Amino acid sequence: MSHARNTGAMQASLRCGAQTRNGETCRAPALRGKARCRMHGGAWGSGAPFGNSNAVKHGFFTKDAIAERREVQMLVSEARKLVRRLTHF
Protein backbone atom coordinates (compact mmCIF):
# COMPACT_ATOMS: atom_id res chain seq x y z
CA MET A 1 0.00 0.00 0.00
CA SER A 2 1.20 3.45 -0.82
CA HIS A 3 -0.61 5.28 2.02
CA ALA A 4 -1.13 4.73 5.72
CA ARG A 5 -4.70 4.19 6.85
CA ASN A 6 -6.05 6.47 9.55
CA THR A 7 -7.99 3.94 11.68
CA GLY A 8 -7.11 5.31 15.11
CA ALA A 9 -10.46 7.00 15.72
CA MET A 10 -12.37 3.90 14.63
CA GLN A 11 -10.34 1.62 16.88
CA ALA A 12 -10.66 4.01 19.85
CA SER A 13 -14.47 4.34 19.61
CA LEU A 14 -16.75 2.75 22.16
CA ARG A 15 -18.06 -0.71 21.31
CA CYS A 16 -21.66 -1.85 21.38
CA GLY A 17 -21.33 -4.59 23.97
CA ALA A 18 -24.76 -6.14 23.37
CA GLN A 19 -24.92 -9.88 23.88
CA THR A 20 -25.04 -11.71 20.56
CA ARG A 21 -26.70 -15.04 19.80
CA ASN A 22 -23.49 -16.95 20.34
CA GLY A 23 -23.13 -15.44 23.83
CA GLU A 24 -20.28 -13.08 23.06
CA THR A 25 -20.44 -9.29 23.11
CA CYS A 26 -20.95 -7.30 19.92
CA ARG A 27 -17.75 -5.66 18.75
CA ALA A 28 -19.35 -3.19 16.34
CA PRO A 29 -18.78 0.50 17.13
CA ALA A 30 -21.56 2.22 19.03
CA LEU A 31 -23.31 5.08 17.27
CA ARG A 32 -22.41 8.64 18.21
CA GLY A 33 -24.23 9.55 21.41
CA LYS A 34 -25.58 6.04 21.88
CA ALA A 35 -24.48 2.96 23.80
CA ARG A 36 -25.40 0.45 21.07
CA CYS A 37 -24.61 -0.12 17.40
CA ARG A 38 -27.13 0.26 14.57
CA MET A 39 -27.99 -3.43 14.71
CA HIS A 40 -28.72 -3.53 18.45
CA GLY A 41 -30.96 -0.53 19.00
CA GLY A 42 -28.76 2.49 18.40
CA ALA A 43 -30.48 3.45 15.14
CA TRP A 44 -33.02 6.27 15.07
CA GLY A 45 -36.56 5.03 15.60
CA SER A 46 -35.58 1.80 17.29
CA GLY A 47 -36.86 0.84 20.71
CA ALA A 48 -40.09 1.51 22.51
CA PRO A 49 -42.12 4.64 21.77
CA PHE A 50 -41.88 7.58 24.17
CA GLY A 51 -44.39 7.58 26.99
CA ASN A 52 -45.94 4.55 28.60
CA SER A 53 -48.89 3.77 26.37
CA ASN A 54 -49.26 0.39 28.09
CA ALA A 55 -50.42 2.14 31.26
CA VAL A 56 -53.51 3.60 29.58
CA LYS A 57 -56.58 2.27 31.36
CA HIS A 58 -59.28 0.77 29.21
CA GLY A 59 -61.88 0.40 31.98
CA PHE A 60 -62.71 -3.27 31.38
CA PHE A 61 -62.02 -4.27 34.99
CA THR A 62 -63.50 -1.30 36.82
CA LYS A 63 -66.14 -2.05 39.46
CA ASP A 64 -68.86 -0.45 37.34
CA ALA A 65 -67.98 -2.48 34.25
CA ILE A 66 -67.88 -5.75 36.20
CA ALA A 67 -71.25 -4.98 37.83
CA GLU A 68 -72.76 -4.14 34.46
CA ARG A 69 -71.54 -7.41 32.93
CA ARG A 70 -73.01 -9.36 35.86
CA GLU A 71 -76.38 -7.67 35.38
CA VAL A 72 -76.35 -8.50 31.66
CA GLN A 73 -75.45 -12.12 32.44
CA MET A 74 -78.35 -12.35 34.90
CA LEU A 75 -80.77 -10.90 32.34
CA VAL A 76 -79.59 -13.33 29.67
CA SER A 77 -79.86 -16.34 31.98
CA GLU A 78 -83.37 -15.30 33.08
CA ALA A 79 -84.39 -14.86 29.43
CA ARG A 80 -83.08 -18.34 28.58
CA LYS A 81 -84.99 -19.87 31.52
CA LEU A 82 -88.16 -18.12 30.36
CA VAL A 83 -87.70 -19.36 26.78
CA ARG A 84 -87.14 -22.93 28.04
CA ARG A 85 -90.28 -22.74 30.16
CA LEU A 86 -92.36 -21.41 27.26
CA THR A 87 -91.13 -24.01 24.77
CA HIS A 88 -91.83 -26.99 27.07
CA PHE A 89 -95.63 -26.48 27.05
PDB file of N, CA and C in Angstrom:
ATOM      1  N   MET A   1       0.837  -1.181   0.000  1.00  0.00           N
ATOM      2  CA  MET A   1       0.000   0.000   0.000  1.00  0.00           C
ATOM      3  C   MET A   1       0.879   1.241   0.000  1.00  0.00           C
ATOM      4  N   SER A   2       0.399   2.249  -0.692  1.00  0.00           N
ATOM      5  CA  SER A   2       1.199   3.453  -0.823  1.00  0.00           C
ATOM      6  C   SER A   2       0.863   4.502   0.245  1.00  0.00           C
ATOM      7  N   HIS A   3      -0.261   4.294   1.008  1.00  0.00           N
ATOM      8  CA  HIS A   3      -0.609   5.283   2.015  1.00  0.00           C
ATOM      9  C   HIS A   3      -0.971   4.580   3.325  1.00  0.00           C
ATOM     10  N   ALA A   4      -0.787   5.278   4.410  1.00  0.00           N
ATOM     11  CA  ALA A   4      -1.135   4.734   5.722  1.00  0.00           C
ATOM     12  C   ALA A   4      -2.612   4.995   5.987  1.00  0.00           C
ATOM     13  N   ARG A   5      -3.282   4.026   6.538  1.00  0.00           N
ATOM     14  CA  ARG A   5      -4.702   4.190   6.849  1.00  0.00           C
ATOM     15  C   ARG A   5      -4.845   4.855   8.207  1.00  0.00           C
ATOM     16  N   ASN A   6      -5.792   5.771   8.301  1.00  0.00           N
ATOM     17  CA  ASN A   6      -6.051   6.471   9.552  1.00  0.00           C
ATOM     18  C   ASN A   6      -7.217   5.763  10.250  1.00  0.00           C
ATOM     19  N   THR A   7      -6.948   4.718  11.007  1.00  0.00           N
ATOM     20  CA  THR A   7      -7.987   3.943  11.678  1.00  0.00           C
ATOM     21  C   THR A   7      -7.979   4.150  13.185  1.00  0.00           C
ATOM     22  N   GLY A   8      -7.223   5.091  13.665  1.00  0.00           N
ATOM     23  CA  GLY A   8      -7.114   5.311  15.108  1.00  0.00           C
ATOM     24  C   GLY A   8      -8.429   5.675  15.760  1.00  0.00           C
ATOM     25  N   ALA A   9      -9.184   6.590  15.142  1.00  0.00           N
ATOM     26  CA  ALA A   9     -10.463   7.000  15.723  1.00  0.00           C
ATOM     27  C   ALA A   9     -11.449   5.844  15.740  1.00  0.00           C
ATOM     28  N   MET A  10     -11.465   5.047  14.696  1.00  0.00           N
ATOM     29  CA  MET A  10     -12.371   3.895  14.631  1.00  0.00           C
ATOM     30  C   MET A  10     -12.021   2.875  15.708  1.00  0.00           C
ATOM     31  N   GLN A  11     -10.752   2.617  15.901  1.00  0.00           N
ATOM     32  CA  GLN A  11     -10.343   1.624  16.882  1.00  0.00           C
ATOM     33  C   GLN A  11     -10.546   2.124  18.315  1.00  0.00           C
ATOM     34  N   ALA A  12     -10.515   3.448  18.514  1.00  0.00           N
ATOM     35  CA  ALA A  12     -10.663   4.010  19.854  1.00  0.00           C
ATOM     36  C   ALA A  12     -12.123   4.227  20.242  1.00  0.00           C
ATOM     37  N   SER A  13     -13.066   4.071  19.304  1.00  0.00           N
ATOM     38  CA  SER A  13     -14.470   4.340  19.607  1.00  0.00           C
ATOM     39  C   SER A  13     -15.034   3.276  20.544  1.00  0.00           C
ATOM     40  N   LEU A  14     -16.084   3.672  21.249  1.00  0.00           N
ATOM     41  CA  LEU A  14     -16.750   2.747  22.160  1.00  0.00           C
ATOM     42  C   LEU A  14     -17.392   1.618  21.366  1.00  0.00           C
ATOM     43  N   ARG A  15     -17.455   0.459  21.954  1.00  0.00           N
ATOM     44  CA  ARG A  15     -18.059  -0.709  21.310  1.00  0.00           C
ATOM     45  C   ARG A  15     -19.465  -0.924  21.842  1.00  0.00           C
ATOM     46  N   CYS A  16     -20.260  -1.625  21.063  1.00  0.00           N
ATOM     47  CA  CYS A  16     -21.664  -1.847  21.382  1.00  0.00           C
ATOM     48  C   CYS A  16     -21.817  -2.639  22.682  1.00  0.00           C
ATOM     49  N   GLY A  17     -21.270  -3.802  22.752  1.00  0.00           N
ATOM     50  CA  GLY A  17     -21.326  -4.594  23.971  1.00  0.00           C
ATOM     51  C   GLY A  17     -22.597  -5.386  24.180  1.00  0.00           C
ATOM     52  N   ALA A  18     -23.537  -5.350  23.232  1.00  0.00           N
ATOM     53  CA  ALA A  18     -24.758  -6.145  23.371  1.00  0.00           C
ATOM     54  C   ALA A  18     -24.406  -7.617  23.266  1.00  0.00           C
ATOM     55  N   GLN A  19     -25.184  -8.449  23.937  1.00  0.00           N
ATOM     56  CA  GLN A  19     -24.919  -9.881  23.877  1.00  0.00           C
ATOM     57  C   GLN A  19     -25.476 -10.435  22.568  1.00  0.00           C
ATOM     58  N   THR A  20     -24.628 -11.145  21.842  1.00  0.00           N
ATOM     59  CA  THR A  20     -25.038 -11.714  20.558  1.00  0.00           C
ATOM     60  C   THR A  20     -25.612 -13.107  20.771  1.00  0.00           C
ATOM     61  N   ARG A  21     -26.090 -13.723  19.696  1.00  0.00           N
ATOM     62  CA  ARG A  21     -26.703 -15.043  19.798  1.00  0.00           C
ATOM     63  C   ARG A  21     -25.731 -16.125  20.238  1.00  0.00           C
ATOM     64  N   ASN A  22     -24.456 -15.936  19.923  1.00  0.00           N
ATOM     65  CA  ASN A  22     -23.485 -16.946  20.342  1.00  0.00           C
ATOM     66  C   ASN A  22     -22.944 -16.676  21.740  1.00  0.00           C
ATOM     67  N   GLY A  23     -23.499 -15.704  22.456  1.00  0.00           N
ATOM     68  CA  GLY A  23     -23.130 -15.440  23.833  1.00  0.00           C
ATOM     69  C   GLY A  23     -22.001 -14.456  24.021  1.00  0.00           C
ATOM     70  N   GLU A  24     -21.363 -14.049  22.958  1.00  0.00           N
ATOM     71  CA  GLU A  24     -20.283 -13.077  23.062  1.00  0.00           C
ATOM     72  C   GLU A  24     -20.842 -11.669  22.994  1.00  0.00           C
ATOM     73  N   THR A  25     -19.987 -10.672  23.213  1.00  0.00           N
ATOM     74  CA  THR A  25     -20.436  -9.292  23.105  1.00  0.00           C
ATOM     75  C   THR A  25     -20.189  -8.775  21.697  1.00  0.00           C
ATOM     76  N   CYS A  26     -21.073  -7.890  21.253  1.00  0.00           N
ATOM     77  CA  CYS A  26     -20.951  -7.296  19.925  1.00  0.00           C
ATOM     78  C   CYS A  26     -19.740  -6.376  19.909  1.00  0.00           C
ATOM     79  N   ARG A  27     -18.961  -6.472  18.850  1.00  0.00           N
ATOM     80  CA  ARG A  27     -17.748  -5.659  18.750  1.00  0.00           C
ATOM     81  C   ARG A  27     -17.905  -4.514  17.768  1.00  0.00           C
ATOM     82  N   ALA A  28     -19.118  -4.294  17.272  1.00  0.00           N
ATOM     83  CA  ALA A  28     -19.349  -3.188  16.342  1.00  0.00           C
ATOM     84  C   ALA A  28     -19.267  -1.864  17.100  1.00  0.00           C
ATOM     85  N   PRO A  29     -18.852  -0.793  16.439  1.00  0.00           N
ATOM     86  CA  PRO A  29     -18.776   0.497  17.133  1.00  0.00           C
ATOM     87  C   PRO A  29     -20.170   1.035  17.453  1.00  0.00           C
ATOM     88  N   ALA A  30     -20.300   1.611  18.638  1.00  0.00           N
ATOM     89  CA  ALA A  30     -21.563   2.220  19.035  1.00  0.00           C
ATOM     90  C   ALA A  30     -21.768   3.500  18.241  1.00  0.00           C
ATOM     91  N   LEU A  31     -23.007   3.856  17.995  1.00  0.00           N
ATOM     92  CA  LEU A  31     -23.306   5.078  17.265  1.00  0.00           C
ATOM     93  C   LEU A  31     -22.984   6.291  18.130  1.00  0.00           C
ATOM     94  N   ARG A  32     -22.761   7.411  17.499  1.00  0.00           N
ATOM     95  CA  ARG A  32     -22.414   8.635  18.205  1.00  0.00           C
ATOM     96  C   ARG A  32     -23.541   9.023  19.152  1.00  0.00           C
ATOM     97  N   GLY A  33     -23.229   9.164  20.411  1.00  0.00           N
ATOM     98  CA  GLY A  33     -24.227   9.548  21.407  1.00  0.00           C
ATOM     99  C   GLY A  33     -25.071   8.401  21.911  1.00  0.00           C
ATOM    100  N   LYS A  34     -24.791   7.204  21.470  1.00  0.00           N
ATOM    101  CA  LYS A  34     -25.577   6.041  21.877  1.00  0.00           C
ATOM    102  C   LYS A  34     -24.659   5.002  22.502  1.00  0.00           C
ATOM    103  N   ALA A  35     -25.262   4.032  23.172  1.00  0.00           N
ATOM    104  CA  ALA A  35     -24.480   2.964  23.798  1.00  0.00           C
ATOM    105  C   ALA A  35     -24.466   1.700  22.947  1.00  0.00           C
ATOM    106  N   ARG A  36     -25.283   1.657  21.882  1.00  0.00           N
ATOM    107  CA  ARG A  36     -25.405   0.447  21.068  1.00  0.00           C
ATOM    108  C   ARG A  36     -25.139   0.773  19.594  1.00  0.00           C
ATOM    109  N   CYS A  37     -24.853  -0.274  18.841  1.00  0.00           N
ATOM    110  CA  CYS A  37     -24.613  -0.118  17.404  1.00  0.00           C
ATOM    111  C   CYS A  37     -25.953  -0.051  16.670  1.00  0.00           C
ATOM    112  N   ARG A  38     -25.904   0.132  15.364  1.00  0.00           N
ATOM    113  CA  ARG A  38     -27.130   0.264  14.570  1.00  0.00           C
ATOM    114  C   ARG A  38     -27.946  -1.014  14.549  1.00  0.00           C
ATOM    115  N   MET A  39     -27.286  -2.142  14.767  1.00  0.00           N
ATOM    116  CA  MET A  39     -27.995  -3.425  14.714  1.00  0.00           C
ATOM    117  C   MET A  39     -28.628  -3.808  16.048  1.00  0.00           C
ATOM    118  N   HIS A  40     -28.221  -3.155  17.128  1.00  0.00           N
ATOM    119  CA  HIS A  40     -28.718  -3.528  18.453  1.00  0.00           C
ATOM    120  C   HIS A  40     -29.450  -2.389  19.149  1.00  0.00           C
ATOM    121  N   GLY A  41     -30.095  -1.535  18.401  1.00  0.00           N
ATOM    122  CA  GLY A  41     -30.963  -0.526  18.997  1.00  0.00           C
ATOM    123  C   GLY A  41     -30.419   0.872  19.016  1.00  0.00           C
ATOM    124  N   GLY A  42     -29.299   1.137  18.407  1.00  0.00           N
ATOM    125  CA  GLY A  42     -28.765   2.492  18.400  1.00  0.00           C
ATOM    126  C   GLY A  42     -29.322   3.340  17.283  1.00  0.00           C
ATOM    127  N   ALA A  43     -29.967   2.726  16.292  1.00  0.00           N
ATOM    128  CA  ALA A  43     -30.481   3.451  15.143  1.00  0.00           C
ATOM    129  C   ALA A  43     -31.674   4.313  15.539  1.00  0.00           C
ATOM    130  N   TRP A  44     -31.898   5.397  14.804  1.00  0.00           N
ATOM    131  CA  TRP A  44     -33.018   6.275  15.072  1.00  0.00           C
ATOM    132  C   TRP A  44     -34.318   5.506  14.845  1.00  0.00           C
ATOM    133  N   GLY A  45     -35.254   5.672  15.741  1.00  0.00           N
ATOM    134  CA  GLY A  45     -36.561   5.032  15.604  1.00  0.00           C
ATOM    135  C   GLY A  45     -36.624   3.643  16.203  1.00  0.00           C
ATOM    136  N   SER A  46     -35.522   3.130  16.701  1.00  0.00           N
ATOM    137  CA  SER A  46     -35.578   1.799  17.294  1.00  0.00           C
ATOM    138  C   SER A  46     -35.942   1.913  18.761  1.00  0.00           C
ATOM    139  N   GLY A  47     -36.487   0.862  19.305  1.00  0.00           N
ATOM    140  CA  GLY A  47     -36.864   0.840  20.714  1.00  0.00           C
ATOM    141  C   GLY A  47     -38.327   1.183  20.908  1.00  0.00           C
ATOM    142  N   ALA A  48     -38.702   1.253  22.145  1.00  0.00           N
ATOM    143  CA  ALA A  48     -40.086   1.512  22.508  1.00  0.00           C
ATOM    144  C   ALA A  48     -40.444   2.975  22.245  1.00  0.00           C
ATOM    145  N   PRO A  49     -41.707   3.260  21.967  1.00  0.00           N
ATOM    146  CA  PRO A  49     -42.119   4.643  21.772  1.00  0.00           C
ATOM    147  C   PRO A  49     -42.043   5.420  23.084  1.00  0.00           C
ATOM    148  N   PHE A  50     -41.941   6.750  22.982  1.00  0.00           N
ATOM    149  CA  PHE A  50     -41.880   7.578  24.169  1.00  0.00           C
ATOM    150  C   PHE A  50     -43.221   7.552  24.886  1.00  0.00           C
ATOM    151  N   GLY A  51     -43.171   7.636  26.180  1.00  0.00           N
ATOM    152  CA  GLY A  51     -44.386   7.581  26.991  1.00  0.00           C
ATOM    153  C   GLY A  51     -44.775   6.136  27.237  1.00  0.00           C
ATOM    154  N   ASN A  52     -45.534   5.913  28.263  1.00  0.00           N
ATOM    155  CA  ASN A  52     -45.939   4.554  28.603  1.00  0.00           C
ATOM    156  C   ASN A  52     -47.375   4.347  28.141  1.00  0.00           C
ATOM    157  N   SER A  53     -47.541   3.975  26.899  1.00  0.00           N
ATOM    158  CA  SER A  53     -48.890   3.771  26.373  1.00  0.00           C
ATOM    159  C   SER A  53     -49.512   2.498  26.916  1.00  0.00           C
ATOM    160  N   ASN A  54     -48.709   1.609  27.509  1.00  0.00           N
ATOM    161  CA  ASN A  54     -49.262   0.386  28.092  1.00  0.00           C
ATOM    162  C   ASN A  54     -50.024   0.677  29.384  1.00  0.00           C
ATOM    163  N   ALA A  55     -49.775   1.817  29.990  1.00  0.00           N
ATOM    164  CA  ALA A  55     -50.418   2.142  31.256  1.00  0.00           C
ATOM    165  C   ALA A  55     -51.785   2.792  31.066  1.00  0.00           C
ATOM    166  N   VAL A  56     -52.215   2.981  29.835  1.00  0.00           N
ATOM    167  CA  VAL A  56     -53.508   3.605  29.579  1.00  0.00           C
ATOM    168  C   VAL A  56     -54.604   2.644  30.025  1.00  0.00           C
ATOM    169  N   LYS A  57     -55.503   3.115  30.837  1.00  0.00           N
ATOM    170  CA  LYS A  57     -56.576   2.272  31.357  1.00  0.00           C
ATOM    171  C   LYS A  57     -57.685   2.157  30.322  1.00  0.00           C
ATOM    172  N   HIS A  58     -58.200   0.969  30.154  1.00  0.00           N
ATOM    173  CA  HIS A  58     -59.285   0.772  29.206  1.00  0.00           C
ATOM    174  C   HIS A  58     -60.620   0.638  29.908  1.00  0.00           C
ATOM    175  N   GLY A  59     -60.637   0.421  31.230  1.00  0.00           N
ATOM    176  CA  GLY A  59     -61.875   0.397  31.981  1.00  0.00           C
ATOM    177  C   GLY A  59     -62.600  -0.922  31.987  1.00  0.00           C
ATOM    178  N   PHE A  60     -62.014  -1.990  31.452  1.00  0.00           N
ATOM    179  CA  PHE A  60     -62.710  -3.274  31.379  1.00  0.00           C
ATOM    180  C   PHE A  60     -62.881  -3.898  32.755  1.00  0.00           C
ATOM    181  N   PHE A  61     -61.965  -3.634  33.679  1.00  0.00           N
ATOM    182  CA  PHE A  61     -62.015  -4.265  34.988  1.00  0.00           C
ATOM    183  C   PHE A  61     -62.389  -3.291  36.106  1.00  0.00           C
ATOM    184  N   THR A  62     -63.032  -2.197  35.772  1.00  0.00           N
ATOM    185  CA  THR A  62     -63.503  -1.300  36.817  1.00  0.00           C
ATOM    186  C   THR A  62     -64.713  -1.929  37.497  1.00  0.00           C
ATOM    187  N   LYS A  63     -65.013  -1.481  38.705  1.00  0.00           N
ATOM    188  CA  LYS A  63     -66.142  -2.048  39.460  1.00  0.00           C
ATOM    189  C   LYS A  63     -67.451  -1.877  38.707  1.00  0.00           C
ATOM    190  N   ASP A  64     -67.620  -0.715  38.086  1.00  0.00           N
ATOM    191  CA  ASP A  64     -68.860  -0.453  37.345  1.00  0.00           C
ATOM    192  C   ASP A  64     -69.007  -1.392  36.153  1.00  0.00           C
ATOM    193  N   ALA A  65     -67.916  -1.611  35.427  1.00  0.00           N
ATOM    194  CA  ALA A  65     -67.983  -2.483  34.252  1.00  0.00           C
ATOM    195  C   ALA A  65     -68.264  -3.925  34.657  1.00  0.00           C
ATOM    196  N   ILE A  66     -67.646  -4.375  35.734  1.00  0.00           N
ATOM    197  CA  ILE A  66     -67.881  -5.750  36.204  1.00  0.00           C
ATOM    198  C   ILE A  66     -69.331  -5.916  36.654  1.00  0.00           C
ATOM    199  N   ALA A  67     -69.853  -4.927  37.385  1.00  0.00           N
ATOM    200  CA  ALA A  67     -71.246  -4.980  37.831  1.00  0.00           C
ATOM    201  C   ALA A  67     -72.201  -4.975  36.646  1.00  0.00           C
ATOM    202  N   GLU A  68     -71.904  -4.190  35.636  1.00  0.00           N
ATOM    203  CA  GLU A  68     -72.763  -4.144  34.455  1.00  0.00           C
ATOM    204  C   GLU A  68     -72.772  -5.475  33.713  1.00  0.00           C
ATOM    205  N   ARG A  69     -71.602  -6.103  33.598  1.00  0.00           N
ATOM    206  CA  ARG A  69     -71.544  -7.414  32.934  1.00  0.00           C
ATOM    207  C   ARG A  69     -72.314  -8.468  33.719  1.00  0.00           C
ATOM    208  N   ARG A  70     -72.254  -8.403  35.047  1.00  0.00           N
ATOM    209  CA  ARG A  70     -73.011  -9.359  35.862  1.00  0.00           C
ATOM    210  C   ARG A  70     -74.517  -9.180  35.663  1.00  0.00           C
ATOM    211  N   GLU A  71     -74.952  -7.928  35.594  1.00  0.00           N
ATOM    212  CA  GLU A  71     -76.379  -7.665  35.378  1.00  0.00           C
ATOM    213  C   GLU A  71     -76.826  -8.211  34.024  1.00  0.00           C
ATOM    214  N   VAL A  72     -75.999  -7.998  33.005  1.00  0.00           N
ATOM    215  CA  VAL A  72     -76.349  -8.496  31.664  1.00  0.00           C
ATOM    216  C   VAL A  72     -76.397 -10.024  31.674  1.00  0.00           C
ATOM    217  N   GLN A  73     -75.443 -10.651  32.357  1.00  0.00           N
ATOM    218  CA  GLN A  73     -75.445 -12.116  32.438  1.00  0.00           C
ATOM    219  C   GLN A  73     -76.708 -12.631  33.131  1.00  0.00           C
ATOM    220  N   MET A  74     -77.121 -11.955  34.193  1.00  0.00           N
ATOM    221  CA  MET A  74     -78.346 -12.350  34.899  1.00  0.00           C
ATOM    222  C   MET A  74     -79.568 -12.208  33.985  1.00  0.00           C
ATOM    223  N   LEU A  75     -79.639 -11.091  33.248  1.00  0.00           N
ATOM    224  CA  LEU A  75     -80.773 -10.903  32.338  1.00  0.00           C
ATOM    225  C   LEU A  75     -80.807 -11.977  31.257  1.00  0.00           C
ATOM    226  N   VAL A  76     -79.646 -12.309  30.716  1.00  0.00           N
ATOM    227  CA  VAL A  76     -79.587 -13.332  29.667  1.00  0.00           C
ATOM    228  C   VAL A  76     -79.985 -14.693  30.223  1.00  0.00           C
ATOM    229  N   SER A  77     -79.508 -15.030  31.408  1.00  0.00           N
ATOM    230  CA  SER A  77     -79.855 -16.338  31.983  1.00  0.00           C
ATOM    231  C   SER A  77     -81.349 -16.407  32.304  1.00  0.00           C
ATOM    232  N   GLU A  78     -81.929 -15.313  32.812  1.00  0.00           N
ATOM    233  CA  GLU A  78     -83.371 -15.300  33.082  1.00  0.00           C
ATOM    234  C   GLU A  78     -84.164 -15.424  31.785  1.00  0.00           C
ATOM    235  N   ALA A  79     -83.698 -14.772  30.719  1.00  0.00           N
ATOM    236  CA  ALA A  79     -84.390 -14.864  29.429  1.00  0.00           C
ATOM    237  C   ALA A  79     -84.323 -16.291  28.894  1.00  0.00           C
ATOM    238  N   ARG A  80     -83.187 -16.953  29.046  1.00  0.00           N
ATOM    239  CA  ARG A  80     -83.077 -18.342  28.584  1.00  0.00           C
ATOM    240  C   ARG A  80     -83.997 -19.262  29.369  1.00  0.00           C
ATOM    241  N   LYS A  81     -84.084 -19.058  30.693  1.00  0.00           N
ATOM    242  CA  LYS A  81     -84.986 -19.866  31.519  1.00  0.00           C
ATOM    243  C   LYS A  81     -86.431 -19.670  31.078  1.00  0.00           C
ATOM    244  N   LEU A  82     -86.786 -18.432  30.792  1.00  0.00           N
ATOM    245  CA  LEU A  82     -88.156 -18.125  30.359  1.00  0.00           C
ATOM    246  C   LEU A  82     -88.451 -18.791  29.017  1.00  0.00           C
ATOM    247  N   VAL A  83     -87.499 -18.728  28.095  1.00  0.00           N
ATOM    248  CA  VAL A  83     -87.695 -19.359  26.779  1.00  0.00           C
ATOM    249  C   VAL A  83     -87.845 -20.869  26.933  1.00  0.00           C
ATOM    250  N   ARG A  84     -87.027 -21.468  27.805  1.00  0.00           N
ATOM    251  CA  ARG A  84     -87.136 -22.926  28.043  1.00  0.00           C
ATOM    252  C   ARG A  84     -88.503 -23.285  28.607  1.00  0.00           C
ATOM    253  N   ARG A  85     -88.990 -22.478  29.576  1.00  0.00           N
ATOM    254  CA  ARG A  85     -90.284 -22.744  30.161  1.00  0.00           C
ATOM    255  C   ARG A  85     -91.406 -22.611  29.140  1.00  0.00           C
ATOM    256  N   LEU A  86     -91.303 -21.624  28.249  1.00  0.00           N
ATOM    257  CA  LEU A  86     -92.362 -21.407  27.262  1.00  0.00           C
ATOM    258  C   LEU A  86     -92.348 -22.473  26.171  1.00  0.00           C
ATOM    259  N   THR A  87     -91.187 -23.017  25.850  1.00  0.00           N
ATOM    260  CA  THR A  87     -91.129 -24.008  24.769  1.00  0.00           C
ATOM    261  C   THR A  87     -91.481 -25.406  25.256  1.00  0.00           C
ATOM    262  N   HIS A  88     -91.509 -25.661  26.558  1.00  0.00           N
ATOM    263  CA  HIS A  88     -91.827 -26.994  27.075  1.00  0.00           C
ATOM    264  C   HIS A  88     -93.323 -27.245  27.201  1.00  0.00           C
ATOM    265  N   PHE A  89     -94.189 -26.272  26.948  1.00  0.00           N
ATOM    266  CA  PHE A  89     -95.630 -26.478  27.051  1.00  0.00           C
ATOM    267  C   PHE A  89     -96.191 -27.045  25.806  1.00  0.00           C
TER     268      PHE A  89
END
